[in-house]
Amino acid sequence: MNKINKQMIIGEVLNIDRGVVPILMQAGMHCLGCPSSQMESIEDACLVHGIDADELVEKLYRFQVENINIKFDKLK
C-alpha cells in the first residue's frame, strides 16, 4: 500500500483510490478534474486553498486504512 502523503500529486492520489474524491471535495478542492490538479501536490493545493495539509492527509490516510480493512474483512 502506498501511504498517501502531502508530497503526492493529486492525480496520483486519485489513481490510487477514487474513493477519496468526497474527502477532497469536502475540503474545498472542487476542481479535481482540472489539468493543474493532475500536476499539483496535495501540499501545494492545500496552500492555495488555505487548508491544513497535515489534517487533510490524515483524513485521506484514515480513509485508505479503513478501505483496506473493509476489503480485507470481505476476504475472510
Foldseek 3Di string as FASTA:
>chain_A
DDQDAQQDQQLVLCVVPVVCVVLCVVQPNPPCPDPVSRVDGNNRVCVVVVHDSVVSSVVSRVVVVVVVVVVVVVVD
